[in-house]
Amino acid sequence: MFALHGIPELGTPPVSLDADFDDDRTRQTAGVAGKPSVAAACATLVFQQLLALGVCVGVPALVTAIAPVSWVTLERQEGRVTAVAQTCLLFVVPFKTATVDPVTGFGDRFAAGTVTRERRPGPDRETKSEDEGFLVIQGPGQSAEVPVSPVSLDGVLDKANGFLEDPQAAELRLFVVANWKFSVIGGGLSSLLTVLYVVGVTLGLLMKFVGLIRRGWKVAVSALP
């Protein structure tokens, strides 16, 4: 049999337009499903940054908060001595500040570490916490305590009293640590994570900024006659 032009031959199965539409829609859906959405990509990026922030900044901050370092500044103006003690995270970020004005004297306080006994089969296990020392800054009706390693406490106290007794001394700045092992060694090593994180973020932002400048330069050059 023959068919007129444009008319399907008898016995030929009809072409389904719905089937073609369904195939196109399936292909589009598969293409969309194969690509991550913008919201999912943003959520992943935010999670990664929060995780990096917690590990590289939060952990070092916690370590240096447990065994902090402090900066104690003594100033004399017209015979009046003022003390400002700043206890810091990450060595340079103050989270606690105490001011004594005027200063009338200095003292110290020592707290011995406690012994904890763990019972177990065989001999018991004993652990002793670290000893603690404090520089006590005294004033009329007020005082402030600064954590100082017991190893350094006598030397720090001598320097503070020497400044107080010297009427010609104008300023004294003391850097004191609560515990040399944890404050300097542990805090210093963990703070390297923060330094690396800050450097990495800064370089990443700088590279993006340079990329934007290059793209803008190319667009400007291509637009020239």
C-alpha atoms as a PDB file:
ATOM      1  CA  MET A   1       0.000   0.000   0.000  1.00  0.00           C
ATOM      2  CA  PHE A   2       1.046   3.545  -0.422  1.00  0.00           C
ATOM      3  CA  ALA A   3       0.508   6.669   1.596  1.00  0.00           C
ATOM      4  CA  LEU A   4      -0.110  10.188   0.502  1.00  0.00           C
ATOM      5  CA  HIS A   5       2.535  12.734   1.316  1.00  0.00           C
ATOM      6  CA  GLY A   6       2.093  13.842   4.938  1.00  0.00           C
ATOM      7  CA  ILE A   7      -0.460  11.077   5.691  1.00  0.00           C
ATOM      8  CA  PRO A   8       0.816   7.980   7.519  1.00  0.00           C
ATOM      9  CA  GLU A   9       0.456   4.679   5.799  1.00  0.00           C
ATOM     10  CA  LEU A  10      -2.373   2.468   6.976  1.00  0.00           C
ATOM     11  CA  GLY A  11      -1.204  -0.036   9.534  1.00  0.00           C
ATOM     12  CA  THR A  12       1.619   2.184  10.781  1.00  0.00           C
ATOM     13  CA  PRO A  13       1.434   2.632  14.583  1.00  0.00           C
ATOM     14  CA  PRO A  14       0.674   6.210  15.595  1.00  0.00           C
ATOM     15  CA  VAL A  15       3.490   8.352  16.927  1.00  0.00           C
ATOM     16  CA  SER A  16       3.009   9.336  20.586  1.00  0.00           C
ATOM     17  CA  LEU A  17       3.868  12.955  21.321  1.00  0.00           C
ATOM     18  CA  ASP A  18       3.382  12.261  25.020  1.00  0.00           C
ATOM     19  CA  ALA A  19       6.200   9.713  24.933  1.00  0.00           C
ATOM     20  CA  ASP A  20       8.604  12.235  23.397  1.00  0.00           C
ATOM     21  CA  PHE A  21       7.631  14.783  26.050  1.00  0.00           C
ATOM     22  CA  ASP A  22       8.158  12.226  28.803  1.00  0.00           C
ATOM     23  CA  ASP A  23      11.623  11.362  27.424  1.00  0.00           C
ATOM     24  CA  ASP A  24      12.647  15.027  27.370  1.00  0.00           C
ATOM     25  CA  ARG A  25      11.397  15.565  30.883  1.00  0.00           C
ATOM     26  CA  THR A  26      13.250  12.460  32.088  1.00  0.00           C
ATOM     27  CA  ARG A  27      16.494  13.667  30.535  1.00  0.00           C
ATOM     28  CA  GLN A  28      16.097  17.105  32.117  1.00  0.00           C
ATOM     29  CA  THR A  29      15.327  15.601  35.509  1.00  0.00           C
ATOM     30  CA  ALA A  30      18.353  13.305  35.289  1.00  0.00           C
ATOM     31  CA  GLY A  31      20.572  16.228  34.356  1.00  0.00           C
ATOM     32  CA  VAL A  32      19.361  18.278  37.311  1.00  0.00           C
ATOM     33  CA  ALA A  33      19.679  15.349  39.692  1.00  0.00           C
ATOM     34  CA  GLY A  34      23.245  14.715  38.543  1.00  0.00           C
ATOM     35  CA  LYS A  35      24.351  18.201  39.551  1.00  0.00           C
ATOM     36  CA  PRO A  36      24.465  19.342  43.198  1.00  0.00           C
ATOM     37  CA  SER A  37      22.178  22.229  43.990  1.00  0.00           C
ATOM     38  CA  VAL A  38      23.516  25.636  44.916  1.00  0.00           C
ATOM     39  CA  ALA A  39      22.017  25.325  48.406  1.00  0.00           C
ATOM     40  CA  ALA A  40      23.725  21.968  48.986  1.00  0.00           C
ATOM     41  CA  ALA A  41      27.069  23.329  47.794  1.00  0.00           C
ATOM     42  CA  CYS A  42      26.751  26.360  50.068  1.00  0.00           C
ATOM     43  CA  ALA A  43      25.782  24.173  53.031  1.00  0.00           C
ATOM     44  CA  THR A  44      28.832  21.951  52.431  1.00  0.00           C
ATOM     45  CA  LEU A  45      31.124  24.972  52.195  1.00  0.00           C
ATOM     46  CA  VAL A  46      29.727  26.479  55.410  1.00  0.00           C
ATOM     47  CA  PHE A  47      30.118  23.160  57.238  1.00  0.00           C
ATOM     48  CA  GLN A  48      33.736  22.839  56.099  1.00  0.00           C
ATOM     49  CA  GLN A  49      34.555  26.372  57.221  1.00  0.00           C
ATOM     50  CA  LEU A  50      32.897  25.868  60.609  1.00  0.00           C
ATOM     51  CA  LEU A  51      34.794  22.613  61.100  1.00  0.00           C
ATOM     52  CA  ALA A  52      38.098  24.257  60.187  1.00  0.00           C
ATOM     53  CA  LEU A  53      37.302  27.201  62.443  1.00  0.00           C
ATOM     54  CA  GLY A  54      36.512  24.910  65.375  1.00  0.00           C
ATOM     55  CA  VAL A  55      39.666  22.806  64.967  1.00  0.00           C
ATOM     56  CA  CYS A  56      42.136  25.558  64.061  1.00  0.00           C
ATOM     57  CA  VAL A  57      40.806  28.319  66.335  1.00  0.00           C
ATOM     58  CA  GLY A  58      38.508  26.744  68.921  1.00  0.00           C
ATOM     59  CA  VAL A  59      40.891  24.022  70.112  1.00  0.00           C
ATOM     60  CA  PRO A  60      43.914  26.354  70.529  1.00  0.00           C
ATOM     61  CA  ALA A  61      41.700  28.917  72.273  1.00  0.00           C
ATOM     62  CA  LEU A  62      40.505  26.243  74.714  1.00  0.00           C
ATOM     63  CA  VAL A  63      44.070  25.074  75.407  1.00  0.00           C
ATOM     64  CA  THR A  64      45.319  28.607  76.054  1.00  0.00           C
ATOM     65  CA  ALA A  65      42.269  29.354  78.225  1.00  0.00           C
ATOM     66  CA  ILE A  66      42.991  26.400  80.505  1.00  0.00           C
ATOM     67  CA  ALA A  67      46.629  27.449  80.957  1.00  0.00           C
ATOM     68  CA  PRO A  68      46.647  31.137  79.958  1.00  0.00           C
ATOM     69  CA  VAL A  69      49.365  33.714  79.629  1.00  0.00           C
ATOM     70  CA  SER A  70      49.007  37.222  81.041  1.00  0.00           C
ATOM     71  CA  TRP A  71      50.445  40.660  80.462  1.00  0.00           C
ATOM     72  CA  VAL A  72      50.821  42.788  83.585  1.00  0.00           C
ATOM     73  CA  THR A  73      51.500  46.494  83.074  1.00  0.00           C
ATOM     74  CA  LEU A  74      52.567  48.685  86.010  1.00  0.00           C
ATOM     75  CA  GLU A  75      52.613  52.455  85.546  1.00  0.00           C
ATOM     76  CA  ARG A  76      53.576  55.263  87.902  1.00  0.00           C
ATOM     77  CA  GLN A  77      52.125  58.748  87.465  1.00  0.00           C
ATOM     78  CA  GLU A  78      52.750  61.444  90.086  1.00  0.00           C
ATOM     79  CA  GLY A  79      53.731  58.821  92.636  1.00  0.00           C
ATOM     80  CA  ARG A  80      50.584  56.740  92.061  1.00  0.00           C
ATOM     81  CA  VAL A  81      51.055  53.178  90.776  1.00  0.00           C
ATOM     82  CA  THR A  82      48.380  51.561  88.627  1.00  0.00           C
ATOM     83  CA  ALA A  83      48.301  47.907  87.553  1.00  0.00           C
ATOM     84  CA  VAL A  84      46.458  46.443  84.553  1.00  0.00           C
ATOM     85  CA  ALA A  85      46.510  42.658  84.144  1.00  0.00           C
ATOM     86  CA  GLN A  86      45.255  41.131  80.881  1.00  0.00           C
ATOM     87  CA  THR A  87      44.804  37.358  80.679  1.00  0.00           C
ATOM     88  CA  CYS A  88      44.903  36.299  77.035  1.00  0.00           C
ATOM     89  CA  LEU A  89      43.789  33.597  74.648  1.00  0.00           C
ATOM     90  CA  LEU A  90      46.223  32.686  71.870  1.00  0.00           C
ATOM     91  CA  PHE A  91      48.850  34.819  73.645  1.00  0.00           C
ATOM     92  CA  VAL A  92      47.481  38.154  72.380  1.00  0.00           C
ATOM     93  CA  VAL A  93      43.648  38.140  72.641  1.00  0.00           C
ATOM     94  CA  PRO A  94      42.545  39.442  76.077  1.00  0.00           C
ATOM     95  CA  PHE A  95      39.516  37.686  77.564  1.00  0.00           C
ATOM     96  CA  LYS A  96      39.901  38.950  81.133  1.00  0.00           C
ATOM     97  CA  THR A  97      41.162  42.323  82.338  1.00  0.00           C
ATOM     98  CA  ALA A  98      41.703  43.421  85.935  1.00  0.00           C
ATOM     99  CA  THR A  99      42.710  46.924  87.055  1.00  0.00           C
ATOM    100  CA  VAL A 100      43.989  47.922  90.484  1.00  0.00           C
ATOM    101  CA  ASP A 101      44.325  51.648  91.130  1.00  0.00           C
ATOM    102  CA  PRO A 102      46.231  52.512  93.205  1.00  0.00           C
ATOM    103  CA  VAL A 103      48.546  49.604  93.980  1.00  0.00           C
ATOM    104  CA  THR A 104      49.646  49.376  97.604  1.00  0.00           C
ATOM    105  CA  GLY A 105      51.517  46.081  97.543  1.00  0.00           C
ATOM    106  CA  PHE A 106      52.087  42.663  95.996  1.00  0.00           C
ATOM    107  CA  GLY A 107      51.742  39.196  97.412  1.00  0.00           C
ATOM    108  CA  ASP A 108      51.569  35.626  96.238  1.00  0.00           C
ATOM    109  CA  ARG A 109      49.332  32.615  96.656  1.00  0.00           C
ATOM    110  CA  PHE A 110      50.237  28.992  96.137  1.00  0.00           C
ATOM    111  CA  ALA A 111      47.773  26.149  95.569  1.00  0.00           C
ATOM    112  CA  ALA A 112      49.216  22.648  95.732  1.00  0.00           C
ATOM    113  CA  GLY A 113      47.967  20.091  93.245  1.00  0.00           C
ATOM    114  CA  THR A 114      45.513  17.482  94.443  1.00  0.00           C
ATOM    115  CA  VAL A 115      46.187  13.747  94.355  1.00  0.00           C
ATOM    116  CA  THR A 116      43.568  11.456  92.803  1.00  0.00           C
ATOM    117  CA  ARG A 117      43.700   7.723  93.483  1.00  0.00           C
ATOM    118  CA  GLU A 118      42.233   5.297  90.969  1.00  0.00           C
ATOM    119  CA  ARG A 119      41.413   1.875  92.357  1.00  0.00           C
ATOM    120  CA  ARG A 120      42.091  -1.057  90.058  1.00  0.00           C
ATOM    121  CA  PRO A 121      43.332  -4.661  90.295  1.00  0.00           C
ATOM    122  CA  GLY A 122      46.844  -4.647  91.680  1.00  0.00           C
ATOM    123  CA  PRO A 123      48.442  -1.427  92.922  1.00  0.00           C
ATOM    124  CA  ASP A 124      46.272   1.669  92.838  1.00  0.00           C
ATOM    125  CA  ARG A 125      47.134   4.405  90.372  1.00  0.00           C
ATOM    126  CA  GLU A 126      47.744   7.898  91.719  1.00  0.00           C
ATOM    127  CA  THR A 127      47.714  11.061  89.617  1.00  0.00           C
ATOM    128  CA  LYS A 128      48.595  14.540  90.842  1.00  0.00           C
ATOM    129  CA  SER A 129      47.299  17.734  89.287  1.00  0.00           C
ATOM    130  CA  GLU A 130      49.638  20.633  88.563  1.00  0.00           C
ATOM    131  CA  ASP A 131      50.550  23.110  91.303  1.00  0.00           C
ATOM    132  CA  GLU A 132      49.248  26.639  90.789  1.00  0.00           C
ATOM    133  CA  GLY A 133      50.710  30.005  91.696  1.00  0.00           C
ATOM    134  CA  PHE A 134      49.187  33.491  91.671  1.00  0.00           C
ATOM    135  CA  LEU A 135      50.563  37.008  91.815  1.00  0.00           C
ATOM    136  CA  VAL A 136      48.264  38.995  94.112  1.00  0.00           C
ATOM    137  CA  ILE A 137      48.022  42.697  93.261  1.00  0.00           C
ATOM    138  CA  GLN A 138      46.760  44.562  96.318  1.00  0.00           C
ATOM    139  CA  GLY A 139      44.986  47.881  96.579  1.00  0.00           C
ATOM    140  CA  PRO A 140      42.729  49.695  99.043  1.00  0.00           C
ATOM    141  CA  GLY A 141      39.588  47.592  99.222  1.00  0.00           C
ATOM    142  CA  GLN A 142      40.449  45.635  96.090  1.00  0.00           C
ATOM    143  CA  SER A 143      42.817  42.996  94.782  1.00  0.00           C
ATOM    144  CA  ALA A 144      43.465  40.970  91.658  1.00  0.00           C
ATOM    145  CA  GLU A 145      45.094  37.588  91.129  1.00  0.00           C
ATOM    146  CA  VAL A 146      47.132  36.711  88.054  1.00  0.00           C
ATOM    147  CA  PRO A 147      48.030  33.043  87.387  1.00  0.00           C
ATOM    148  CA  VAL A 148      51.804  32.573  87.424  1.00  0.00           C
ATOM    149  CA  SER A 149      53.805  29.363  87.225  1.00  0.00           C
ATOM    150  CA  PRO A 150      55.135  28.420  90.686  1.00  0.00           C
ATOM    151  CA  VAL A 151      58.590  28.157  89.130  1.00  0.00           C
ATOM    152  CA  SER A 152      58.495  31.850  88.146  1.00  0.00           C
ATOM    153  CA  LEU A 153      56.423  33.217  91.024  1.00  0.00           C
ATOM    154  CA  ASP A 154      59.306  34.398  93.235  1.00  0.00           C
ATOM    155  CA  GLY A 155      61.046  36.183  90.366  1.00  0.00           C
ATOM    156  CA  VAL A 156      57.862  37.926  89.245  1.00  0.00           C
ATOM    157  CA  LEU A 157      57.109  39.004  92.813  1.00  0.00           C
ATOM    158  CA  ASP A 158      60.622  40.447  93.208  1.00  0.00           C
ATOM    159  CA  LYS A 159      60.294  42.487  89.993  1.00  0.00           C
ATOM    160  CA  ALA A 160      56.874  43.844  90.993  1.00  0.00           C
ATOM    161  CA  ASN A 161      58.015  44.830  94.480  1.00  0.00           C
ATOM    162  CA  GLY A 162      61.195  46.356  93.078  1.00  0.00           C
ATOM    163  CA  PHE A 163      59.137  48.566  90.776  1.00  0.00           C
ATOM    164  CA  LEU A 164      56.835  49.599  93.610  1.00  0.00           C
ATOM    165  CA  GLU A 165      59.760  50.573  95.837  1.00  0.00           C
ATOM    166  CA  ASP A 166      61.611  52.535  93.148  1.00  0.00           C
ATOM    167  CA  PRO A 167      60.110  56.044  92.897  1.00  0.00           C
ATOM    168  CA  GLN A 168      62.028  56.683  89.656  1.00  0.00           C
ATOM    169  CA  ALA A 169      60.540  53.695  87.786  1.00  0.00           C
ATOM    170  CA  ALA A 170      57.865  54.840  85.356  1.00  0.00           C
ATOM    171  CA  GLU A 171      56.644  51.607  83.751  1.00  0.00           C
ATOM    172  CA  LEU A 172      57.118  47.849  84.000  1.00  0.00           C
ATOM    173  CA  ARG A 173      55.612  45.269  81.678  1.00  0.00           C
ATOM    174  CA  LEU A 174      55.604  41.621  82.757  1.00  0.00           C
ATOM    175  CA  PHE A 175      54.795  38.555  80.663  1.00  0.00           C
ATOM    176  CA  VAL A 176      53.758  35.681  82.911  1.00  0.00           C
ATOM    177  CA  VAL A 177      52.535  32.147  82.195  1.00  0.00           C
ATOM    178  CA  ALA A 178      50.311  29.926  84.278  1.00  0.00           C
ATOM    179  CA  ASN A 179      52.173  26.730  83.386  1.00  0.00           C
ATOM    180  CA  TRP A 180      55.271  26.487  81.223  1.00  0.00           C
ATOM    181  CA  LYS A 181      54.467  23.049  79.790  1.00  0.00           C
ATOM    182  CA  PHE A 182      50.855  23.745  78.843  1.00  0.00           C
ATOM    183  CA  SER A 183      50.935  27.518  78.342  1.00  0.00           C
ATOM    184  CA  VAL A 184      54.060  27.811  76.210  1.00  0.00           C
ATOM    185  CA  ILE A 185      54.687  24.386  74.683  1.00  0.00           C
ATOM    186  CA  GLY A 186      51.101  23.135  74.344  1.00  0.00           C
ATOM    187  CA  GLY A 187      49.604  26.555  73.693  1.00  0.00           C
ATOM    188  CA  GLY A 188      52.356  27.514  71.261  1.00  0.00           C
ATOM    189  CA  LEU A 189      52.060  24.353  69.175  1.00  0.00           C
ATOM    190  CA  SER A 190      48.272  24.484  69.060  1.00  0.00           C
ATOM    191  CA  SER A 191      48.348  28.181  68.163  1.00  0.00           C
ATOM    192  CA  LEU A 192      50.259  27.274  64.993  1.00  0.00           C
ATOM    193  CA  LEU A 193      46.966  25.840  63.714  1.00  0.00           C
ATOM    194  CA  THR A 194      45.373  29.249  64.118  1.00  0.00           C
ATOM    195  CA  VAL A 195      48.256  30.927  62.286  1.00  0.00           C
ATOM    196  CA  LEU A 196      48.006  28.447  59.396  1.00  0.00           C
ATOM    197  CA  TYR A 197      44.228  28.915  59.219  1.00  0.00           C
ATOM    198  CA  VAL A 198      44.487  32.704  59.111  1.00  0.00           C
ATOM    199  CA  VAL A 199      47.236  32.568  56.471  1.00  0.00           C
ATOM    200  CA  GLY A 200      45.219  30.104  54.359  1.00  0.00           C
ATOM    201  CA  VAL A 201      42.036  32.179  54.511  1.00  0.00           C
ATOM    202  CA  THR A 202      43.963  35.359  53.703  1.00  0.00           C
ATOM    203  CA  LEU A 203      45.682  33.775  50.693  1.00  0.00           C
ATOM    204  CA  GLY A 204      42.366  32.348  49.462  1.00  0.00           C
ATOM    205  CA  LEU A 205      40.660  35.743  49.619  1.00  0.00           C
ATOM    206  CA  LEU A 206      43.665  37.373  47.948  1.00  0.00           C
ATOM    207  CA  MET A 207      43.598  34.864  45.081  1.00  0.00           C
ATOM    208  CA  LYS A 208      39.874  35.453  44.543  1.00  0.00           C
ATOM    209  CA  PHE A 209      40.432  39.209  44.537  1.00  0.00           C
ATOM    210  CA  VAL A 210      43.242  38.891  41.976  1.00  0.00           C
ATOM    211  CA  GLY A 211      41.009  36.642  39.832  1.00  0.00           C
ATOM    212  CA  LEU A 212      38.228  39.239  39.855  1.00  0.00           C
ATOM    213  CA  ILE A 213      40.694  41.944  38.818  1.00  0.00           C
ATOM    214  CA  ARG A 214      41.981  39.808  35.928  1.00  0.00           C
ATOM    215  CA  ARG A 215      38.476  39.052  34.706  1.00  0.00           C
ATOM    216  CA  GLY A 216      37.525  42.693  34.886  1.00  0.00           C
ATOM    217  CA  TRP A 217      40.693  43.622  32.984  1.00  0.00           C
ATOM    218  CA  LYS A 218      39.928  41.108  30.227  1.00  0.00           C
ATOM    219  CA  VAL A 219      36.376  42.403  29.867  1.00  0.00           C
ATOM    220  CA  ALA A 220      37.637  45.989  29.689  1.00  0.00           C
ATOM    221  CA  VAL A 221      40.255  45.101  27.059  1.00  0.00           C
ATOM    222  CA  SER A 222      37.772  43.141  24.926  1.00  0.00           C
ATOM    223  CA  ALA A 223      35.386  46.101  24.974  1.00  0.00           C
ATOM    224  CA  LEU A 224      37.994  48.436  23.457  1.00  0.00           C
ATOM    225  CA  PRO A 225      37.457  49.319  19.779  1.00  0.00           C
END
